[in-house]
């Protein structure tokens, strides 16, 4: 059997072993189909997972050829683009790896073609396990629950906020919602949602460590495009990240299952660039006294005011010192000429199965 087929078979065997062993998955892919933005995301508040390769596939051709703007374009050492076509995008790092900070995202540019089929498949390679795993793809242009941990400069969690966010660019109705945690990760005493914010018509239906619910029997509230509703510090940091979020758009409507996404950022870091400085003050100034809007609302209480300035003051000039990258940004740089989707898939699988033999052996395997 040709060397390339042997390598590919070994990679798929590794994938099956990974799934059977039940390893925890902490990385997923965030996709905004309205804007086309794509980002790697670390769901964990305690682990900074490393990766040395990833691939995004679309049978329907929903990717943008040459649209990748990831590790290679950002100048991260060791990374190379393996291809960027309408059906497959990938980057690999044969000799090192990169870690994502807890709760962080890393932009891959506008690699999704707006209006196309939501069929993306995401897989990545973890150098510590020497395995490939297929992980979740979360489309973010919908109503969603965001759990946001605020960190100090050492990466320790200071507090964790919950926010309902309308990820769409247009307004969307919400009439009721329920957050459930089978393991009891909720702190119901710290709920500060629609009812506590005096939004007309809302009432709290019930709260416990396993379930929190609010509804509006007489009316429907509209969240503006990219608008939000703060819910308070209702998630117990360090507990299981097992929250499920459902809501109704109207009183008579059916419950809609919506994503729960876990983020983390430096407390006071309004623009999420990893440092608390004058740029964060500028963002707060530009949104002063705005409500129902995340930019500038660094303590996630639903309004941009002096309490957000206090968050900045308490962490002034702090930077994240925990290992890994987060909320990546960089200058746009040319992307290598796209390869065919078939060659890209074979190349990724071949590379993955050869990671143990990094240098000469890995190069030999990739070329055959």
Protein backbone atom coordinates (compact mmCIF):
# COMPACT_ATOMS: atom_id res chain seq x y z
CA UNK A 1 0.00 0.00 0.00
CA UNK A 2 1.34 3.50 -0.82
CA UNK A 3 2.88 5.40 2.08
CA UNK A 4 0.28 8.20 1.79
CA UNK A 5 -2.64 5.78 2.15
CA UNK A 6 -1.03 4.10 5.13
CA UNK A 7 -0.60 7.48 6.79
CA UNK A 8 -4.19 8.48 6.05
CA UNK A 9 -5.51 5.18 7.42
CA UNK A 10 -3.50 5.67 10.59
CA UNK A 11 -4.95 9.14 11.02
CA UNK A 12 -8.53 7.93 10.72
CA UNK A 13 -7.79 5.10 13.17
CA UNK A 14 -6.48 7.71 15.58
CA UNK A 15 -9.67 9.72 15.19
CA UNK A 16 -11.78 6.69 16.03
CA UNK A 17 -9.63 5.94 19.09
CA UNK A 18 -9.97 9.52 20.27
CA UNK A 19 -13.77 9.36 20.04
CA UNK A 20 -13.93 5.97 21.75
CA UNK A 21 -11.75 7.12 24.63
CA UNK A 22 -14.13 10.03 25.32
CA UNK A 23 -11.52 12.79 25.58
CA UNK A 24 -12.99 16.15 26.58
CA UNK A 25 -13.30 18.64 23.75
CA UNK A 26 -12.52 22.24 24.58
CA UNK A 27 -12.05 23.76 21.13
CA UNK A 28 -14.84 24.62 18.74
CA UNK A 29 -15.42 26.88 15.74
CA UNK A 30 -17.51 30.05 15.90
CA UNK A 31 -19.06 31.14 12.60
CA UNK A 32 -21.14 34.24 11.93
CA UNK A 33 -22.97 33.48 8.65
CA UNK A 34 -24.08 37.12 8.30
CA UNK A 35 -20.58 38.60 8.29
CA UNK A 36 -18.60 35.53 7.25
CA UNK A 37 -16.28 35.75 10.25
CA UNK A 38 -14.78 32.49 11.52
CA UNK A 39 -12.84 31.98 14.77
CA UNK A 40 -11.29 29.21 16.82
CA UNK A 41 -12.73 29.20 20.33
CA UNK A 42 -11.65 27.68 23.65
CA UNK A 43 -14.70 26.81 25.75
CA UNK A 44 -12.65 26.00 28.85
CA UNK A 45 -12.15 28.28 31.87
CA UNK A 46 -9.34 26.09 33.23
CA UNK A 47 -7.36 24.61 30.32
CA UNK A 48 -5.40 26.27 27.50
CA UNK A 49 -5.42 23.51 24.87
CA UNK A 50 -2.71 23.39 22.23
CA UNK A 51 -3.19 22.59 18.58
CA UNK A 52 -0.75 22.00 15.77
CA UNK A 53 -3.19 21.76 12.92
CA UNK A 54 -6.83 22.22 11.99
CA UNK A 55 -9.10 21.82 8.99
CA UNK A 56 -12.50 23.28 8.05
CA UNK A 57 -14.50 21.46 5.35
CA UNK A 58 -17.68 22.27 3.42
CA UNK A 59 -19.21 19.79 1.00
CA UNK A 60 -21.41 22.56 -0.46
CA UNK A 61 -18.50 24.94 -1.04
CA UNK A 62 -19.50 27.47 1.63
CA UNK A 63 -15.95 28.71 2.30
CA UNK A 64 -14.23 31.68 0.67
CA UNK A 65 -11.25 30.70 -1.48
CA UNK A 66 -8.28 32.63 -0.14
CA UNK A 67 -10.37 34.01 2.73
CA UNK A 68 -8.30 32.45 5.52
CA UNK A 69 -6.51 34.96 7.78
CA UNK A 70 -5.24 32.83 10.63
CA UNK A 71 -2.03 31.87 12.44
CA UNK A 72 0.14 32.14 9.32
CA UNK A 73 -1.17 35.58 8.37
CA UNK A 74 -0.76 36.75 11.97
CA UNK A 75 2.91 35.74 11.88
CA UNK A 76 2.70 32.99 14.52
CA UNK A 77 5.91 30.96 14.29
CA UNK A 78 5.85 27.61 12.54
CA UNK A 79 2.43 27.79 10.93
CA UNK A 80 1.76 27.27 7.22
CA UNK A 81 -1.42 27.43 5.18
CA UNK A 82 -2.12 23.99 3.72
CA UNK A 83 -4.82 25.40 1.44
CA UNK A 84 -7.80 27.73 1.26
CA UNK A 85 -10.55 26.72 -1.17
CA UNK A 86 -14.34 26.86 -1.20
CA UNK A 87 -14.50 23.29 0.13
CA UNK A 88 -11.55 23.07 2.53
CA UNK A 89 -9.30 25.33 4.59
CA UNK A 90 -6.39 24.20 6.75
CA UNK A 91 -3.25 25.31 8.56
CA UNK A 92 -0.54 23.07 10.00
CA UNK A 93 2.48 23.40 12.26
CA UNK A 94 4.93 20.50 11.95
CA UNK A 95 7.45 21.51 14.59
CA UNK A 96 5.56 23.41 17.31
CA UNK A 97 2.02 24.28 18.44
CA UNK A 98 -0.11 27.16 19.70
CA UNK A 99 -2.37 27.29 22.75
CA UNK A 100 -5.59 29.27 23.16
CA UNK A 101 -6.08 31.06 26.46
CA UNK A 102 -9.02 30.02 28.60
CA UNK A 103 -12.32 31.20 27.15
CA UNK A 104 -10.57 32.96 24.25
CA UNK A 105 -11.21 33.22 20.52
CA UNK A 106 -8.73 33.47 17.66
CA UNK A 107 -9.89 35.04 14.42
CA UNK A 108 -9.44 33.18 11.14
CA UNK A 109 -10.83 36.02 9.04
CA UNK A 110 -13.97 36.10 6.89
CA UNK A 111 -13.66 32.55 5.61
CA UNK A 112 -17.41 31.76 5.35
CA UNK A 113 -19.44 32.92 2.35
CA UNK A 114 -22.59 34.70 3.67
CA UNK A 115 -25.80 33.14 2.42
CA UNK A 116 -24.25 29.72 1.80
CA UNK A 117 -25.09 26.35 3.35
CA UNK A 118 -24.34 25.87 7.07
CA UNK A 119 -22.50 22.60 6.60
CA UNK A 120 -19.04 23.31 8.00
CA UNK A 121 -17.09 20.47 9.66
CA UNK A 122 -14.21 21.38 11.99
CA UNK A 123 -11.39 19.10 13.11
CA UNK A 124 -8.14 19.83 14.85
CA UNK A 125 -5.01 18.09 16.11
CA UNK A 126 -3.83 18.19 19.72
CA UNK A 127 -0.06 17.54 20.04
CA UNK A 128 -0.37 16.21 23.61
CA UNK A 129 -2.80 13.43 22.63
CA UNK A 130 -1.41 12.92 19.10
CA UNK A 131 -5.02 12.57 17.95
CA UNK A 132 -7.43 14.37 15.62
CA UNK A 133 -10.92 15.22 16.82
CA UNK A 134 -13.98 16.52 15.04
CA UNK A 135 -15.45 19.28 17.19
CA UNK A 136 -18.48 21.57 17.32
CA UNK A 137 -19.33 24.36 14.88
CA UNK A 138 -21.44 27.12 16.49
CA UNK A 139 -23.29 29.58 14.26
CA UNK A 140 -23.52 32.82 16.21
CA UNK A 141 -26.06 34.91 14.25
CA UNK A 142 -28.85 33.68 16.54
CA UNK A 143 -30.14 34.25 20.06
CA UNK A 144 -27.65 32.74 22.49
CA UNK A 145 -26.51 32.53 26.10
CA UNK A 146 -22.99 33.77 26.76
CA UNK A 147 -21.17 32.90 29.97
CA UNK A 148 -18.30 35.37 30.35
CA UNK A 149 -15.58 35.03 32.97
CA UNK A 150 -13.65 38.17 33.90
CA UNK A 151 -9.98 37.52 34.65
CA UNK A 152 -7.23 39.33 36.52
CA UNK A 153 -3.79 39.82 35.00
CA UNK A 154 -2.71 36.34 36.12
CA UNK A 155 -5.61 34.68 34.36
CA UNK A 156 -7.53 33.92 37.57
CA UNK A 157 -11.32 34.28 37.41
CA UNK A 158 -12.69 37.27 39.34
CA UNK A 159 -16.36 36.83 38.43
CA UNK A 160 -18.54 35.22 35.78
CA UNK A 161 -21.46 36.97 34.08
CA UNK A 162 -24.36 35.60 32.06
CA UNK A 163 -25.77 37.50 29.09
CA UNK A 164 -28.49 36.76 26.56
CA UNK A 165 -27.23 38.07 23.23
CA UNK A 166 -29.04 38.51 19.94
CA UNK A 167 -26.28 37.58 17.52
CA UNK A 168 -28.25 38.68 14.46
CA UNK A 169 -27.88 42.10 12.86
CA UNK A 170 -31.66 42.67 13.00
CA UNK A 171 -33.90 42.79 16.07
CA UNK A 172 -35.35 39.56 17.46
CA UNK A 173 -38.22 38.87 19.91
CA UNK A 174 -37.97 36.98 23.18
CA UNK A 175 -40.92 36.16 25.43
CA UNK A 176 -39.42 33.69 27.90
CA UNK A 177 -36.29 31.65 28.56
CA UNK A 178 -35.02 28.77 30.66
CA UNK A 179 -31.45 27.99 31.66
CA UNK A 180 -30.86 24.47 32.97
CA UNK A 181 -27.85 22.80 34.61
CA UNK A 182 -28.19 19.08 35.44
CA UNK A 183 -25.19 19.27 37.80
CA UNK A 184 -26.41 22.37 39.69
CA UNK A 185 -23.95 24.97 38.36
CA UNK A 186 -26.36 27.90 38.75
CA UNK A 187 -26.36 30.51 41.53
CA UNK A 188 -30.00 31.58 41.50
CA UNK A 189 -29.49 34.20 44.23
CA UNK A 190 -27.40 36.27 41.79
CA UNK A 191 -29.95 36.34 38.97
CA UNK A 192 -30.39 39.92 37.75
CA UNK A 193 -32.31 39.59 34.51
CA UNK A 194 -35.35 41.11 32.79
CA UNK A 195 -37.44 41.20 35.98
CA UNK A 196 -34.78 42.83 38.17
CA UNK A 197 -33.99 45.27 35.34
CA UNK A 198 -37.65 46.38 35.41
CA UNK A 199 -38.32 45.40 31.80
CA UNK A 200 -42.13 45.77 31.52
CA UNK A 201 -44.16 42.58 31.92
CA UNK A 202 -41.41 40.21 32.96
CA UNK A 203 -41.58 37.89 35.96
CA UNK A 204 -39.35 35.24 37.50
CA UNK A 205 -40.96 31.81 37.28
CA UNK A 206 -38.56 29.81 39.38
CA UNK A 207 -34.92 29.64 40.38
CA UNK A 208 -32.71 26.87 41.70
CA UNK A 209 -29.23 25.47 41.25
CA UNK A 210 -30.51 23.40 38.32
CA UNK A 211 -32.96 25.75 36.59
CA UNK A 212 -33.66 29.48 36.14
CA UNK A 213 -36.62 30.82 34.18
CA UNK A 214 -38.21 34.20 33.37
CA UNK A 215 -41.20 35.01 31.16
CA UNK A 216 -43.43 37.82 29.99
CA UNK A 217 -47.09 36.67 29.96
CA UNK A 218 -48.45 39.90 28.51
CA UNK A 219 -45.89 41.11 26.00
CA UNK A 220 -42.81 40.30 23.93
CA UNK A 221 -39.48 42.05 24.32
CA UNK A 222 -37.40 42.85 21.27
CA UNK A 223 -33.62 42.69 21.50
CA UNK A 224 -31.94 44.93 18.95
CA UNK A 225 -29.43 43.55 16.48
CA UNK A 226 -26.35 42.52 18.50
CA UNK A 227 -28.24 43.71 21.58
CA UNK A 228 -28.15 41.93 24.91
CA UNK A 229 -29.77 41.44 28.28
CA UNK A 230 -27.52 40.97 31.30
CA UNK A 231 -28.61 38.18 33.68
CA UNK A 232 -26.16 38.71 36.54
CA UNK A 233 -23.43 36.47 37.94
CA UNK A 234 -25.59 33.35 37.91
CA UNK A 235 -22.94 30.80 36.88
CA UNK A 236 -20.76 29.28 39.61
CA UNK A 237 -17.19 29.55 38.35
CA UNK A 238 -15.36 26.24 38.55
CA UNK A 239 -18.54 24.19 38.23
CA UNK A 240 -19.53 22.02 35.27
CA UNK A 241 -20.08 23.93 32.02
CA UNK A 242 -23.27 22.03 31.27
CA UNK A 243 -25.77 24.87 30.80
CA UNK A 244 -28.55 24.53 28.24
CA UNK A 245 -30.52 27.54 27.01
CA UNK A 246 -34.01 27.54 25.48
CA UNK A 247 -36.32 30.46 24.78
CA UNK A 248 -39.64 31.35 23.17
CA UNK A 249 -40.08 34.19 20.69
CA UNK A 250 -43.81 34.46 21.53
CA UNK A 251 -45.98 33.15 24.35
CA UNK A 252 -47.70 30.67 22.04
CA UNK A 253 -44.55 29.65 20.22
CA UNK A 254 -42.47 26.53 20.66
CA UNK A 255 -39.33 26.47 22.77
CA UNK A 256 -36.21 27.10 20.68
CA UNK A 257 -32.94 25.42 21.66
CA UNK A 258 -30.13 27.98 21.38
CA UNK A 259 -26.35 27.78 21.89
CA UNK A 260 -24.52 28.41 25.14
CA UNK A 261 -21.02 29.79 24.50
CA UNK A 262 -18.33 30.26 27.16
CA UNK A 263 -15.96 33.23 26.89
CA UNK A 264 -13.33 34.86 29.10
CA UNK A 265 -11.64 38.23 29.01
CA UNK A 266 -9.41 40.41 31.14
CA UNK A 267 -11.55 42.45 33.53
CA UNK A 268 -11.78 45.99 32.14
CA UNK A 269 -10.59 44.93 28.67
CA UNK A 270 -13.47 46.45 26.73
CA UNK A 271 -12.01 45.77 23.28
CA UNK A 272 -10.71 42.29 24.22
CA UNK A 273 -7.17 42.86 22.96
CA UNK A 274 -5.56 41.39 26.08
CA UNK A 275 -4.53 44.68 27.75
CA UNK A 276 -6.40 47.29 29.79
CA UNK A 277 -5.44 50.74 28.52
CA UNK A 278 -6.69 53.95 26.93
CA UNK A 279 -8.31 52.10 24.02
CA UNK A 280 -10.77 50.58 26.47
CA UNK A 281 -11.61 54.00 27.90
CA UNK A 282 -12.26 55.24 24.34
CA UNK A 283 -14.68 52.37 23.72
CA UNK A 284 -16.57 53.12 26.92
CA UNK A 285 -16.66 56.83 26.07
CA UNK A 286 -18.12 56.07 22.64
CA UNK A 287 -20.93 54.00 24.19
CA UNK A 288 -21.47 56.08 27.35
CA UNK A 289 -24.83 55.33 29.06
CA UNK A 290 -25.82 52.93 26.27
CA UNK A 291 -27.92 49.96 27.38
CA UNK A 292 -28.56 46.63 25.74
CA UNK A 293 -25.14 46.81 24.08
CA UNK A 294 -22.05 44.77 24.90
CA UNK A 295 -19.23 47.10 23.68
CA UNK A 296 -18.05 49.09 26.70
CA UNK A 297 -20.19 47.20 29.22
CA UNK A 298 -17.19 45.46 30.77
CA UNK A 299 -18.99 44.33 33.94
CA UNK A 300 -22.02 43.09 31.98
CA UNK A 301 -24.68 44.75 34.09
CA UNK A 302 -26.58 46.02 31.04
CA UNK A 303 -25.43 49.65 30.91
CA UNK A 304 -22.18 51.48 30.14
CA UNK A 305 -21.45 53.77 33.10
CA UNK A 306 -19.04 54.59 35.91
CA UNK A 307 -18.96 51.00 37.17
CA UNK A 308 -17.26 50.03 33.92
CA UNK A 309 -14.69 52.78 34.42
CA UNK A 310 -14.06 51.30 37.88
CA UNK A 311 -13.38 47.89 36.30
CA UNK A 312 -10.74 49.51 34.08
CA UNK A 313 -9.22 51.41 37.00
CA UNK A 314 -8.88 48.20 39.04
CA UNK A 315 -6.93 46.46 36.26
CA UNK A 316 -5.19 49.45 34.66
CA UNK A 317 -2.34 48.40 32.30
CA UNK A 318 -2.80 44.74 33.22
CA UNK A 319 -2.19 42.14 30.51
CA UNK A 320 -2.97 38.47 30.41
CA UNK A 321 0.09 36.52 31.48
CA UNK A 322 -1.43 33.07 31.13
CA UNK A 323 -0.01 30.96 28.33
CA UNK A 324 -1.56 31.04 24.92
CA UNK A 325 -3.10 33.35 22.37
CA UNK A 326 -6.51 34.94 22.57
CA UNK A 327 -8.88 37.05 20.47
CA UNK A 328 -6.21 37.15 17.77
CA UNK A 329 -5.86 40.12 15.44
CA UNK A 330 -3.28 40.94 12.84
CA UNK A 331 -2.58 42.65 9.55
CA UNK A 332 -4.01 41.07 6.44
CA UNK A 333 -1.28 39.27 4.52
CA UNK A 334 -1.31 37.36 1.22
CA UNK A 335 -2.58 33.78 1.45
CA UNK A 336 -0.76 31.07 -0.52
CA UNK A 337 -2.30 29.83 -3.76
CA UNK A 338 -5.23 27.49 -2.93
CA UNK A 339 -4.76 23.78 -3.36
CA UNK A 340 -7.49 21.42 -4.49
CA UNK A 341 -9.89 20.20 -1.81
CA UNK A 342 -8.96 16.53 -2.35
CA UNK A 343 -5.23 17.15 -2.07
CA UNK A 344 -5.78 19.31 1.00
CA UNK A 345 -7.73 16.59 2.81
CA UNK A 346 -5.12 13.94 2.02
CA UNK A 347 -2.34 16.30 3.03
CA UNK A 348 -3.93 17.11 6.38
CA UNK A 349 -4.56 13.48 7.28
CA UNK A 350 -1.09 12.47 6.14
CA UNK A 351 0.51 15.24 8.17
CA UNK A 352 -1.51 14.34 11.26
CA UNK A 353 -0.48 10.70 11.28
CA UNK A 354 3.18 11.67 10.96
CA UNK A 355 3.37 14.14 13.84
CA UNK A 356 5.34 11.75 16.05
CA UNK A 357 8.16 11.71 13.51
CA UNK A 358 8.41 15.45 13.33
CA UNK A 359 11.28 16.54 11.19
CA UNK A 360 12.83 14.42 8.43
CA UNK A 361 10.42 11.51 8.79
CA UNK A 362 7.36 13.79 8.83
CA UNK A 363 8.58 15.65 5.76
CA UNK A 364 9.20 12.38 3.95
CA UNK A 365 5.72 11.11 4.74
CA UNK A 366 4.06 14.32 3.59
CA UNK A 367 5.85 14.24 0.26
CA UNK A 368 4.88 10.68 -0.60
